[in-house]
Amino acid sequence: MTVEKEFLIGQVPNQKMLGGLAFPEVLTPSDISQESDAKAVVESVKENKKFIEQILHKNGAILFRGFGLKSASDFNQFVEAFGYEELPYVGGAAPRTNVVGRVFTSNESPPDQKIPFHHEMAQVPEFPSKIFFYCELASVQGGETPIVLSHLVYERMATEWPEFVRDLEEKGLLYNRVLGEGDDPSSPIGRGWQSTFLTRDREEAEKRAANLGMKLEWLEDGVKTVSGPIPAVKVDEAHGRKVWFNSMVAAYTGWEDSRNVPEKAVTFGDGTPLPREAVLACLNILIEESVSEPWQEGDVLLLDNIQVQHARKPFVPPRRVLAALAK
């Protein structure tokens, strides 16, 4: 059924129906000629931005499939067509490289490592409202980007772990991370302090860290960052519901390298340890409630970063998924 002049509602095998809404919603081109015409896709986005935003508001995630985007430049034009202000990647943990325009590589950590569920940049005060992912090259095995609606995670945690959730809402979370000077490609959180704060000057790094609500403790070969206390639960004002907006599971299970110990990477806001069984229960809920659809080359996945968490499964290289962030 055609829902708008340039779009059809599609389906994918692993899609879920949640509260009567498809997750993710899938949009495909109504005109087969769009499959090889990136300019036509860009014009379609501009003309139908309101329609797309209505779907994103309701469903939380949209998979654009079959639109023939063949390069990072095509993807950059697609993102620019929405007219959203770019959010620079300052303060995030993942090693990334700028590709073209506002397009970056997604997390460049080793392919055999999974990246746990998280909201993008949940550990800093200014986070993106929307995230675009683009598959330039799909892996022959693995490499999916699982997604999950965070209000469902909150509802289950509040029901199954009420005391823990009360403590979390009262105390918030404290994130601790040790950064080297340069990037460490062997680590899922290997971004060095110079690329984290986009400067080589320590004083400037301290100013930018302060703007992000971070404290810096300089070490012999790097710096320790302390963020928080930061609320672990937010109110999604657009929908009038609470969401599990944090990087707790990601930090506790994934912030590990030669400098960092996961169990110390995140604590309650008062510095007391998190109960391991509650964190692992949350991990299981995230997995159970998630959707994981294999990438196809040319796919774009648009996420509402308030509503939806994402992750990455291990994969057999090569694989190239790019990203762009919007305020």
C-alpha atoms as a PDB file:
ATOM      1  CA  MET A   1       0.000   0.000   0.000  1.00  0.00           C
ATOM      2  CA  THR A   2       1.367   3.434  -0.960  1.00  0.00           C
ATOM      3  CA  VAL A   3       1.367   5.679   2.078  1.00  0.00           C
ATOM      4  CA  GLU A   4       2.959   8.728   0.528  1.00  0.00           C
ATOM      5  CA  LYS A   5       3.809   9.603  -3.044  1.00  0.00           C
ATOM      6  CA  GLU A   6       7.408   8.351  -2.875  1.00  0.00           C
ATOM      7  CA  PHE A   7       7.166   5.655  -0.192  1.00  0.00           C
ATOM      8  CA  LEU A   8       5.735   2.235   0.473  1.00  0.00           C
ATOM      9  CA  ILE A   9       5.456   0.544   3.848  1.00  0.00           C
ATOM     10  CA  GLY A  10       7.622  -2.571   3.751  1.00  0.00           C
ATOM     11  CA  GLN A  11       8.360  -5.549   5.964  1.00  0.00           C
ATOM     12  CA  VAL A  12      11.464  -7.395   7.137  1.00  0.00           C
ATOM     13  CA  PRO A  13      11.638 -10.873   8.706  1.00  0.00           C
ATOM     14  CA  ASN A  14      12.674  -9.865  12.229  1.00  0.00           C
ATOM     15  CA  GLN A  15      10.371  -6.888  12.618  1.00  0.00           C
ATOM     16  CA  LYS A  16       8.176  -6.852  15.752  1.00  0.00           C
ATOM     17  CA  MET A  17       4.684  -5.487  16.336  1.00  0.00           C
ATOM     18  CA  LEU A  18       4.726  -3.624  19.647  1.00  0.00           C
ATOM     19  CA  GLY A  19       1.583  -1.879  20.829  1.00  0.00           C
ATOM     20  CA  GLY A  20       0.182  -2.127  17.315  1.00  0.00           C
ATOM     21  CA  LEU A  21       3.227  -0.419  15.782  1.00  0.00           C
ATOM     22  CA  ALA A  22       5.949  -1.954  13.637  1.00  0.00           C
ATOM     23  CA  PHE A  23       9.443  -1.855  15.109  1.00  0.00           C
ATOM     24  CA  PRO A  24      11.251  -0.767  13.106  1.00  0.00           C
ATOM     25  CA  GLU A  25       8.908   0.670  10.498  1.00  0.00           C
ATOM     26  CA  VAL A  26      10.234  -0.055   7.008  1.00  0.00           C
ATOM     27  CA  LEU A  27      10.036   2.386   4.091  1.00  0.00           C
ATOM     28  CA  THR A  28      10.778   1.358   0.512  1.00  0.00           C
ATOM     29  CA  PRO A  29      10.577   3.402  -2.722  1.00  0.00           C
ATOM     30  CA  SER A  30       7.263   3.501  -4.572  1.00  0.00           C
ATOM     31  CA  ASP A  31       9.096   4.286  -7.828  1.00  0.00           C
ATOM     32  CA  ILE A  32      11.631   1.655  -8.925  1.00  0.00           C
ATOM     33  CA  SER A  33      13.692   4.386 -10.635  1.00  0.00           C
ATOM     34  CA  GLN A  34      14.622   5.759  -7.216  1.00  0.00           C
ATOM     35  CA  GLU A  35      16.771   2.693  -6.650  1.00  0.00           C
ATOM     36  CA  SER A  36      19.565   4.189  -8.734  1.00  0.00           C
ATOM     37  CA  ASP A  37      18.952   7.901  -8.230  1.00  0.00           C
ATOM     38  CA  ALA A  38      20.287   9.316  -4.948  1.00  0.00           C
ATOM     39  CA  LYS A  39      19.206  12.837  -5.933  1.00  0.00           C
ATOM     40  CA  ALA A  40      15.601  11.671  -6.266  1.00  0.00           C
ATOM     41  CA  VAL A  41      15.812  10.103  -2.808  1.00  0.00           C
ATOM     42  CA  VAL A  42      17.092  13.369  -1.338  1.00  0.00           C
ATOM     43  CA  GLU A  43      14.235  15.308  -2.930  1.00  0.00           C
ATOM     44  CA  SER A  44      11.744  12.738  -1.605  1.00  0.00           C
ATOM     45  CA  VAL A  45      13.088  13.227   1.902  1.00  0.00           C
ATOM     46  CA  LYS A  46      12.811  17.005   1.656  1.00  0.00           C
ATOM     47  CA  GLU A  47       9.248  16.823   0.352  1.00  0.00           C
ATOM     48  CA  ASN A  48       8.114  14.233   2.894  1.00  0.00           C
ATOM     49  CA  LYS A  49      10.087  15.197   5.988  1.00  0.00           C
ATOM     50  CA  LYS A  50       6.950  15.780   8.074  1.00  0.00           C
ATOM     51  CA  PHE A  51       5.562  12.370   7.110  1.00  0.00           C
ATOM     52  CA  ILE A  52       8.867  10.655   8.018  1.00  0.00           C
ATOM     53  CA  GLU A  53       9.037  12.493  11.350  1.00  0.00           C
ATOM     54  CA  GLN A  54       5.503  11.388  12.218  1.00  0.00           C
ATOM     55  CA  ILE A  55       6.525   7.757  11.729  1.00  0.00           C
ATOM     56  CA  LEU A  56       9.719   8.236  13.751  1.00  0.00           C
ATOM     57  CA  HIS A  57       7.716   9.816  16.576  1.00  0.00           C
ATOM     58  CA  LYS A  58       5.281   6.889  16.682  1.00  0.00           C
ATOM     59  CA  ASN A  59       7.589   3.950  15.968  1.00  0.00           C
ATOM     60  CA  GLY A  60      10.984   5.124  17.248  1.00  0.00           C
ATOM     61  CA  ALA A  61      12.947   3.602  14.350  1.00  0.00           C
ATOM     62  CA  ILE A  62      12.729   3.609  10.550  1.00  0.00           C
ATOM     63  CA  LEU A  63      14.616   1.316   8.178  1.00  0.00           C
ATOM     64  CA  PHE A  64      14.938   2.813   4.681  1.00  0.00           C
ATOM     65  CA  ARG A  65      15.572  -0.086   2.314  1.00  0.00           C
ATOM     66  CA  GLY A  66      16.030  -0.208  -1.458  1.00  0.00           C
ATOM     67  CA  PHE A  67      16.720   3.462  -2.122  1.00  0.00           C
ATOM     68  CA  GLY A  68      20.004   2.874  -3.930  1.00  0.00           C
ATOM     69  CA  LEU A  69      22.351   4.900  -1.749  1.00  0.00           C
ATOM     70  CA  LYS A  70      25.735   3.660  -2.927  1.00  0.00           C
ATOM     71  CA  SER A  71      28.342   5.729  -1.105  1.00  0.00           C
ATOM     72  CA  ALA A  72      29.173   7.774   1.969  1.00  0.00           C
ATOM     73  CA  SER A  73      28.540  10.910  -0.110  1.00  0.00           C
ATOM     74  CA  ASP A  74      25.038   9.670  -0.995  1.00  0.00           C
ATOM     75  CA  PHE A  75      24.411   9.031   2.696  1.00  0.00           C
ATOM     76  CA  ASN A  76      25.711  12.481   3.638  1.00  0.00           C
ATOM     77  CA  GLN A  77      23.275  14.056   1.178  1.00  0.00           C
ATOM     78  CA  PHE A  78      20.460  11.912   2.596  1.00  0.00           C
ATOM     79  CA  VAL A  79      21.205  13.124   6.141  1.00  0.00           C
ATOM     80  CA  GLU A  80      21.586  16.751   5.036  1.00  0.00           C
ATOM     81  CA  ALA A  81      18.157  16.598   3.358  1.00  0.00           C
ATOM     82  CA  PHE A  82      16.497  16.517   6.790  1.00  0.00           C
ATOM     83  CA  GLY A  83      17.998  19.874   7.717  1.00  0.00           C
ATOM     84  CA  TYR A  84      18.922  18.853  11.269  1.00  0.00           C
ATOM     85  CA  GLU A  85      21.777  20.581  13.032  1.00  0.00           C
ATOM     86  CA  GLU A  86      24.826  18.354  13.392  1.00  0.00           C
ATOM     87  CA  LEU A  87      25.964  17.249  16.844  1.00  0.00           C
ATOM     88  CA  PRO A  88      29.780  16.943  16.987  1.00  0.00           C
ATOM     89  CA  TYR A  89      31.015  13.690  18.519  1.00  0.00           C
ATOM     90  CA  VAL A  90      32.664  15.250  21.576  1.00  0.00           C
ATOM     91  CA  GLY A  91      32.888  13.226  24.781  1.00  0.00           C
ATOM     92  CA  GLY A  92      31.918   9.861  23.329  1.00  0.00           C
ATOM     93  CA  ALA A  93      33.934   6.713  23.970  1.00  0.00           C
ATOM     94  CA  ALA A  94      33.976   4.991  20.581  1.00  0.00           C
ATOM     95  CA  PRO A  95      36.925   5.281  18.187  1.00  0.00           C
ATOM     96  CA  ARG A  96      35.600   6.898  14.990  1.00  0.00           C
ATOM     97  CA  THR A  97      36.909   8.562  11.845  1.00  0.00           C
ATOM     98  CA  ASN A  98      35.329  11.310   9.783  1.00  0.00           C
ATOM     99  CA  VAL A  99      34.543  10.068   6.261  1.00  0.00           C
ATOM    100  CA  VAL A 100      32.793  12.915   4.435  1.00  0.00           C
ATOM    101  CA  GLY A 101      30.784  15.925   5.553  1.00  0.00           C
ATOM    102  CA  ARG A 102      28.988  15.000   8.764  1.00  0.00           C
ATOM    103  CA  VAL A 103      29.438  11.250   8.248  1.00  0.00           C
ATOM    104  CA  PHE A 104      31.673   9.177  10.525  1.00  0.00           C
ATOM    105  CA  THR A 105      32.535   5.530  10.784  1.00  0.00           C
ATOM    106  CA  SER A 106      30.524   3.747  13.450  1.00  0.00           C
ATOM    107  CA  ASN A 107      32.436   2.223  16.373  1.00  0.00           C
ATOM    108  CA  GLU A 108      35.752   0.929  14.985  1.00  0.00           C
ATOM    109  CA  SER A 109      36.378  -1.580  17.768  1.00  0.00           C
ATOM    110  CA  PRO A 110      37.575  -5.055  16.706  1.00  0.00           C
ATOM    111  CA  PRO A 111      34.999  -7.134  14.802  1.00  0.00           C
ATOM    112  CA  ASP A 112      35.070 -10.042  17.272  1.00  0.00           C
ATOM    113  CA  GLN A 113      33.790  -7.769  20.051  1.00  0.00           C
ATOM    114  CA  LYS A 114      30.133  -7.009  20.660  1.00  0.00           C
ATOM    115  CA  ILE A 115      29.068  -3.493  21.580  1.00  0.00           C
ATOM    116  CA  PRO A 116      26.403  -3.622  24.316  1.00  0.00           C
ATOM    117  CA  PHE A 117      23.111  -1.720  24.253  1.00  0.00           C
ATOM    118  CA  HIS A 118      23.273   2.005  24.928  1.00  0.00           C
ATOM    119  CA  HIS A 119      21.767   5.354  24.080  1.00  0.00           C
ATOM    120  CA  GLU A 120      24.282   7.369  22.102  1.00  0.00           C
ATOM    121  CA  MET A 121      26.338   9.600  24.416  1.00  0.00           C
ATOM    122  CA  ALA A 122      24.046   8.976  27.398  1.00  0.00           C
ATOM    123  CA  GLN A 123      26.981   9.628  29.725  1.00  0.00           C
ATOM    124  CA  VAL A 124      27.263  13.312  28.747  1.00  0.00           C
ATOM    125  CA  PRO A 125      24.690  16.127  29.138  1.00  0.00           C
ATOM    126  CA  GLU A 126      24.340  16.914  25.413  1.00  0.00           C
ATOM    127  CA  PHE A 127      23.402  13.863  23.394  1.00  0.00           C
ATOM    128  CA  PRO A 128      21.962  13.488  19.897  1.00  0.00           C
ATOM    129  CA  SER A 129      18.208  13.396  19.460  1.00  0.00           C
ATOM    130  CA  LYS A 130      18.545  11.299  16.301  1.00  0.00           C
ATOM    131  CA  ILE A 131      21.090   8.862  14.883  1.00  0.00           C
ATOM    132  CA  PHE A 132      21.465   7.788  11.259  1.00  0.00           C
ATOM    133  CA  PHE A 133      23.251   4.539  10.378  1.00  0.00           C
ATOM    134  CA  TYR A 134      24.142   3.556   6.805  1.00  0.00           C
ATOM    135  CA  CYS A 135      25.338   0.187   5.532  1.00  0.00           C
ATOM    136  CA  GLU A 136      27.954   0.701   2.834  1.00  0.00           C
ATOM    137  CA  LEU A 137      29.233  -2.880   3.033  1.00  0.00           C
ATOM    138  CA  ALA A 138      27.374  -5.717   4.773  1.00  0.00           C
ATOM    139  CA  SER A 139      29.238  -8.485   6.563  1.00  0.00           C
ATOM    140  CA  VAL A 140      28.838 -12.034   5.287  1.00  0.00           C
ATOM    141  CA  GLN A 141      28.155 -13.056   8.898  1.00  0.00           C
ATOM    142  CA  GLY A 142      26.974 -11.057  11.905  1.00  0.00           C
ATOM    143  CA  GLY A 143      27.362  -7.317  12.345  1.00  0.00           C
ATOM    144  CA  GLU A 144      23.688  -6.570  12.951  1.00  0.00           C
ATOM    145  CA  THR A 145      22.722  -3.427  14.862  1.00  0.00           C
ATOM    146  CA  PRO A 146      20.103  -4.625  17.391  1.00  0.00           C
ATOM    147  CA  ILE A 147      17.617  -1.997  18.616  1.00  0.00           C
ATOM    148  CA  VAL A 148      15.263  -1.872  21.595  1.00  0.00           C
ATOM    149  CA  LEU A 149      12.561   0.496  22.866  1.00  0.00           C
ATOM    150  CA  SER A 150      13.763   1.906  26.174  1.00  0.00           C
ATOM    151  CA  HIS A 151      10.352   2.490  27.744  1.00  0.00           C
ATOM    152  CA  LEU A 152       9.767  -1.274  27.599  1.00  0.00           C
ATOM    153  CA  VAL A 153      13.094  -1.840  29.359  1.00  0.00           C
ATOM    154  CA  TYR A 154      12.162   0.651  32.075  1.00  0.00           C
ATOM    155  CA  GLU A 155       8.731  -0.926  32.598  1.00  0.00           C
ATOM    156  CA  ARG A 156      10.193  -4.410  32.991  1.00  0.00           C
ATOM    157  CA  MET A 157      13.024  -3.301  35.275  1.00  0.00           C
ATOM    158  CA  ALA A 158      10.622  -1.289  37.463  1.00  0.00           C
ATOM    159  CA  THR A 159       8.392  -4.367  37.770  1.00  0.00           C
ATOM    160  CA  GLU A 160      11.097  -6.994  38.245  1.00  0.00           C
ATOM    161  CA  TRP A 161      13.743  -4.949  40.134  1.00  0.00           C
ATOM    162  CA  PRO A 162      11.759  -2.171  41.889  1.00  0.00           C
ATOM    163  CA  GLU A 163      14.225  -1.508  44.717  1.00  0.00           C
ATOM    164  CA  PHE A 164      17.169  -1.265  42.327  1.00  0.00           C
ATOM    165  CA  VAL A 165      15.236   1.104  40.065  1.00  0.00           C
ATOM    166  CA  ARG A 166      14.274   3.286  43.038  1.00  0.00           C
ATOM    167  CA  ASP A 167      17.940   3.524  44.047  1.00  0.00           C
ATOM    168  CA  LEU A 168      18.926   4.286  40.472  1.00  0.00           C
ATOM    169  CA  GLU A 169      16.347   7.044  40.099  1.00  0.00           C
ATOM    170  CA  GLU A 170      17.409   8.541  43.426  1.00  0.00           C
ATOM    171  CA  LYS A 171      21.198   8.326  42.992  1.00  0.00           C
ATOM    172  CA  GLY A 172      21.812   8.338  39.243  1.00  0.00           C
ATOM    173  CA  LEU A 173      25.013   6.928  37.757  1.00  0.00           C
ATOM    174  CA  LEU A 174      28.683   7.822  37.862  1.00  0.00           C
ATOM    175  CA  TYR A 175      30.835   6.908  34.823  1.00  0.00           C
ATOM    176  CA  ASN A 176      34.615   6.499  35.111  1.00  0.00           C
ATOM    177  CA  ARG A 177      36.893   6.041  32.110  1.00  0.00           C
ATOM    178  CA  VAL A 178      40.660   6.190  31.613  1.00  0.00           C
ATOM    179  CA  LEU A 179      41.773   7.568  28.231  1.00  0.00           C
ATOM    180  CA  GLY A 180      45.155   7.260  26.629  1.00  0.00           C
ATOM    181  CA  GLU A 181      46.698  10.097  24.668  1.00  0.00           C
ATOM    182  CA  GLY A 182      46.115   8.504  21.268  1.00  0.00           C
ATOM    183  CA  ASP A 183      43.382   6.206  19.997  1.00  0.00           C
ATOM    184  CA  ASP A 184      43.593   2.484  20.728  1.00  0.00           C
ATOM    185  CA  PRO A 185      42.043   0.522  17.826  1.00  0.00           C
ATOM    186  CA  SER A 186      42.091  -2.703  19.860  1.00  0.00           C
ATOM    187  CA  SER A 187      39.581  -1.308  22.387  1.00  0.00           C
ATOM    188  CA  PRO A 188      35.808  -0.742  22.058  1.00  0.00           C
ATOM    189  CA  ILE A 189      36.317   2.434  24.127  1.00  0.00           C
ATOM    190  CA  GLY A 190      39.730   3.245  22.706  1.00  0.00           C
ATOM    191  CA  ARG A 191      39.218   6.895  21.874  1.00  0.00           C
ATOM    192  CA  GLY A 192      42.150   8.876  23.261  1.00  0.00           C
ATOM    193  CA  TRP A 193      41.629  12.175  25.076  1.00  0.00           C
ATOM    194  CA  GLN A 194      42.854  14.258  22.152  1.00  0.00           C
ATOM    195  CA  SER A 195      40.208  12.928  19.782  1.00  0.00           C
ATOM    196  CA  THR A 196      37.591  12.722  22.553  1.00  0.00           C
ATOM    197  CA  PHE A 197      37.834  16.463  23.183  1.00  0.00           C
ATOM    198  CA  LEU A 198      39.020  17.391  19.661  1.00  0.00           C
ATOM    199  CA  THR A 199      42.082  19.224  20.940  1.00  0.00           C
ATOM    200  CA  ARG A 200      45.740  18.617  21.833  1.00  0.00           C
ATOM    201  CA  ASP A 201      45.726  21.327  24.503  1.00  0.00           C
ATOM    202  CA  ARG A 202      45.127  20.147  28.084  1.00  0.00           C
ATOM    203  CA  GLU A 203      43.568  23.412  29.246  1.00  0.00           C
ATOM    204  CA  GLU A 204      41.161  23.385  26.323  1.00  0.00           C
ATOM    205  CA  ALA A 205      40.370  19.730  27.032  1.00  0.00           C
ATOM    206  CA  GLU A 206      39.514  20.655  30.629  1.00  0.00           C
ATOM    207  CA  LYS A 207      37.164  23.433  29.443  1.00  0.00           C
ATOM    208  CA  ARG A 208      35.404  21.113  27.016  1.00  0.00           C
ATOM    209  CA  ALA A 209      35.184  18.392  29.631  1.00  0.00           C
ATOM    210  CA  ALA A 210      33.623  20.852  32.088  1.00  0.00           C
ATOM    211  CA  ASN A 211      31.014  21.774  29.470  1.00  0.00           C
ATOM    212  CA  LEU A 212      30.163  18.071  29.295  1.00  0.00           C
ATOM    213  CA  GLY A 213      29.896  17.777  33.060  1.00  0.00           C
ATOM    214  CA  MET A 214      33.156  15.800  33.272  1.00  0.00           C
ATOM    215  CA  LYS A 215      36.032  16.108  35.690  1.00  0.00           C
ATOM    216  CA  LEU A 216      39.539  15.246  34.478  1.00  0.00           C
ATOM    217  CA  GLU A 217      42.321  13.693  36.544  1.00  0.00           C
ATOM    218  CA  TRP A 218      45.576  13.751  34.566  1.00  0.00           C
ATOM    219  CA  LEU A 219      47.738  10.632  34.663  1.00  0.00           C
ATOM    220  CA  GLU A 220      51.272   9.909  33.453  1.00  0.00           C
ATOM    221  CA  ASP A 221      50.105   8.497  30.126  1.00  0.00           C
ATOM    222  CA  GLY A 222      46.555   9.786  29.831  1.00  0.00           C
ATOM    223  CA  VAL A 223      43.605  11.060  31.818  1.00  0.00           C
ATOM    224  CA  LYS A 224      40.784   9.714  33.964  1.00  0.00           C
ATOM    225  CA  THR A 225      37.333  11.160  33.220  1.00  0.00           C
ATOM    226  CA  VAL A 226      34.576  11.198  35.830  1.00  0.00           C
ATOM    227  CA  SER A 227      31.035  11.969  34.629  1.00  0.00           C
ATOM    228  CA  GLY A 228      28.093  12.433  36.913  1.00  0.00           C
ATOM    229  CA  PRO A 229      26.100  11.794  38.848  1.00  0.00           C
ATOM    230  CA  ILE A 230      23.907  11.580  35.746  1.00  0.00           C
ATOM    231  CA  PRO A 231      20.227  10.519  35.790  1.00  0.00           C
ATOM    232  CA  ALA A 232      19.776   6.920  34.611  1.00  0.00           C
ATOM    233  CA  VAL A 233      16.093   7.352  33.784  1.00  0.00           C
ATOM    234  CA  LYS A 234      14.664  10.190  31.728  1.00  0.00           C
ATOM    235  CA  VAL A 235      11.136  11.269  30.912  1.00  0.00           C
ATOM    236  CA  ASP A 236      10.378  11.067  27.214  1.00  0.00           C
ATOM    237  CA  GLU A 237       8.304  14.238  27.242  1.00  0.00           C
ATOM    238  CA  ALA A 238       7.033  13.733  23.691  1.00  0.00           C
ATOM    239  CA  HIS A 239       5.331  10.496  24.785  1.00  0.00           C
ATOM    240  CA  GLY A 240       4.817  11.138  28.497  1.00  0.00           C
ATOM    241  CA  ARG A 241       6.677   8.046  29.704  1.00  0.00           C
ATOM    242  CA  LYS A 242       9.917   7.097  31.392  1.00  0.00           C
ATOM    243  CA  VAL A 243      12.786   5.589  29.397  1.00  0.00           C
ATOM    244  CA  TRP A 244      15.838   3.594  30.485  1.00  0.00           C
ATOM    245  CA  PHE A 245      18.251   6.272  29.266  1.00  0.00           C
ATOM    246  CA  ASN A 246      21.768   5.291  30.268  1.00  0.00           C
ATOM    247  CA  SER A 247      24.905   3.397  29.306  1.00  0.00           C
ATOM    248  CA  MET A 248      24.908   1.247  32.445  1.00  0.00           C
ATOM    249  CA  VAL A 249      24.969  -2.159  30.768  1.00  0.00           C
ATOM    250  CA  ALA A 250      27.388  -0.972  28.069  1.00  0.00           C
ATOM    251  CA  ALA A 251      29.852   0.365  30.642  1.00  0.00           C
ATOM    252  CA  TYR A 252      29.471  -2.511  33.104  1.00  0.00           C
ATOM    253  CA  THR A 253      29.873  -5.264  30.515  1.00  0.00           C
ATOM    254  CA  GLY A 254      31.847  -3.591  27.728  1.00  0.00           C
ATOM    255  CA  TRP A 255      34.143  -0.810  28.948  1.00  0.00           C
ATOM    256  CA  GLU A 256      37.138  -3.077  29.212  1.00  0.00           C
ATOM    257  CA  ASP A 257      40.672  -2.658  27.937  1.00  0.00           C
ATOM    258  CA  SER A 258      44.208  -2.336  29.293  1.00  0.00           C
ATOM    259  CA  ARG A 259      43.213   0.821  31.197  1.00  0.00           C
ATOM    260  CA  ASN A 260      39.641   0.111  32.273  1.00  0.00           C
ATOM    261  CA  VAL A 261      37.841  -2.473  34.442  1.00  0.00           C
ATOM    262  CA  PRO A 262      34.123  -2.740  33.546  1.00  0.00           C
ATOM    263  CA  GLU A 263      32.782  -3.196  37.085  1.00  0.00           C
ATOM    264  CA  LYS A 264      34.472   0.070  38.110  1.00  0.00           C
ATOM    265  CA  ALA A 265      33.466   1.956  34.964  1.00  0.00           C
ATOM    266  CA  VAL A 266      29.961   2.674  36.273  1.00  0.00           C
ATOM    267  CA  THR A 267      28.598   2.931  39.811  1.00  0.00           C
ATOM    268  CA  PHE A 268      25.661   4.482  41.594  1.00  0.00           C
ATOM    269  CA  GLY A 269      25.965   8.257  41.697  1.00  0.00           C
ATOM    270  CA  ASP A 270      27.266   8.103  45.273  1.00  0.00           C
ATOM    271  CA  GLY A 271      30.122   5.810  44.213  1.00  0.00           C
ATOM    272  CA  THR A 272      28.685   2.589  45.633  1.00  0.00           C
ATOM    273  CA  PRO A 273      28.877  -0.520  43.409  1.00  0.00           C
ATOM    274  CA  LEU A 274      25.952  -1.638  41.292  1.00  0.00           C
ATOM    275  CA  PRO A 275      24.455  -5.055  42.130  1.00  0.00           C
ATOM    276  CA  ARG A 276      25.792  -7.373  39.441  1.00  0.00           C
ATOM    277  CA  GLU A 277      22.652  -9.513  39.293  1.00  0.00           C
ATOM    278  CA  ALA A 278      20.473  -6.471  38.531  1.00  0.00           C
ATOM    279  CA  VAL A 279      22.794  -5.268  35.747  1.00  0.00           C
ATOM    280  CA  LEU A 280      22.866  -8.720  34.148  1.00  0.00           C
ATOM    281  CA  ALA A 281      19.079  -8.996  34.481  1.00  0.00           C
ATOM    282  CA  CYS A 282      18.824  -5.713  32.594  1.00  0.00           C
ATOM    283  CA  LEU A 283      21.120  -7.100  29.903  1.00  0.00           C
ATOM    284  CA  ASN A 284      18.780 -10.086  29.469  1.00  0.00           C
ATOM    285  CA  ILE A 285      15.746  -7.797  29.219  1.00  0.00           C
ATOM    286  CA  LEU A 286      17.489  -5.697  26.574  1.00  0.00           C
ATOM    287  CA  ILE A 287      18.203  -8.811  24.524  1.00  0.00           C
ATOM    288  CA  GLU A 288      14.693 -10.247  24.946  1.00  0.00           C
ATOM    289  CA  GLU A 289      12.958  -7.020  23.910  1.00  0.00           C
ATOM    290  CA  SER A 290      15.287  -6.212  21.007  1.00  0.00           C
ATOM    291  CA  VAL A 291      15.009  -6.549  17.243  1.00  0.00           C
ATOM    292  CA  SER A 292      18.014  -7.608  15.177  1.00  0.00           C
ATOM    293  CA  GLU A 293      17.688  -7.364  11.394  1.00  0.00           C
ATOM    294  CA  PRO A 294      20.656  -8.221   9.115  1.00  0.00           C
ATOM    295  CA  TRP A 295      21.987  -5.262   7.150  1.00  0.00           C
ATOM    296  CA  GLN A 296      21.638  -4.989   3.393  1.00  0.00           C
ATOM    297  CA  GLU A 297      23.917  -2.681   1.462  1.00  0.00           C
ATOM    298  CA  GLY A 298      22.323   0.733   0.975  1.00  0.00           C
ATOM    299  CA  ASP A 299      20.155   0.481   4.109  1.00  0.00           C
ATOM    300  CA  VAL A 300      19.677   3.530   6.309  1.00  0.00           C
ATOM    301  CA  LEU A 301      18.448   3.100   9.883  1.00  0.00           C
ATOM    302  CA  LEU A 302      17.095   6.252  11.535  1.00  0.00           C
ATOM    303  CA  LEU A 303      16.680   6.101  15.323  1.00  0.00           C
ATOM    304  CA  ASP A 304      15.059   8.388  17.853  1.00  0.00           C
ATOM    305  CA  ASN A 305      17.872   8.364  20.422  1.00  0.00           C
ATOM    306  CA  ILE A 306      15.463   9.180  23.259  1.00  0.00           C
ATOM    307  CA  GLN A 307      13.194   6.219  22.550  1.00  0.00           C
ATOM    308  CA  VAL A 308      15.645   3.620  21.261  1.00  0.00           C
ATOM    309  CA  GLN A 309      18.906   1.983  22.357  1.00  0.00           C
ATOM    310  CA  HIS A 310      21.213   0.216  19.938  1.00  0.00           C
ATOM    311  CA  ALA A 311      24.060  -2.296  20.025  1.00  0.00           C
ATOM    312  CA  ARG A 312      26.386  -4.140  17.607  1.00  0.00           C
ATOM    313  CA  LYS A 313      26.894  -7.844  17.168  1.00  0.00           C
ATOM    314  CA  PRO A 314      30.322  -9.335  16.374  1.00  0.00           C
ATOM    315  CA  PHE A 315      30.953  -9.949  12.679  1.00  0.00           C
ATOM    316  CA  VAL A 316      33.188 -11.467  10.051  1.00  0.00           C
ATOM    317  CA  PRO A 317      34.919  -8.594   8.202  1.00  0.00           C
ATOM    318  CA  PRO A 318      34.795  -6.737   5.949  1.00  0.00           C
ATOM    319  CA  ARG A 319      31.851  -4.607   7.103  1.00  0.00           C
ATOM    320  CA  ARG A 320      31.377  -0.856   6.842  1.00  0.00           C
ATOM    321  CA  VAL A 321      28.548   0.898   8.640  1.00  0.00           C
ATOM    322  CA  LEU A 322      28.638   4.695   8.846  1.00  0.00           C
ATOM    323  CA  ALA A 323      26.832   7.083  11.181  1.00  0.00           C
ATOM    324  CA  ALA A 324      25.711  10.686  11.570  1.00  0.00           C
ATOM    325  CA  LEU A 325      24.376  12.455  14.662  1.00  0.00           C
ATOM    326  CA  ALA A 326      21.758  15.210  14.857  1.00  0.00           C
ATOM    327  CA  LYS A 327      20.911  17.626  17.660  1.00  0.00           C
END
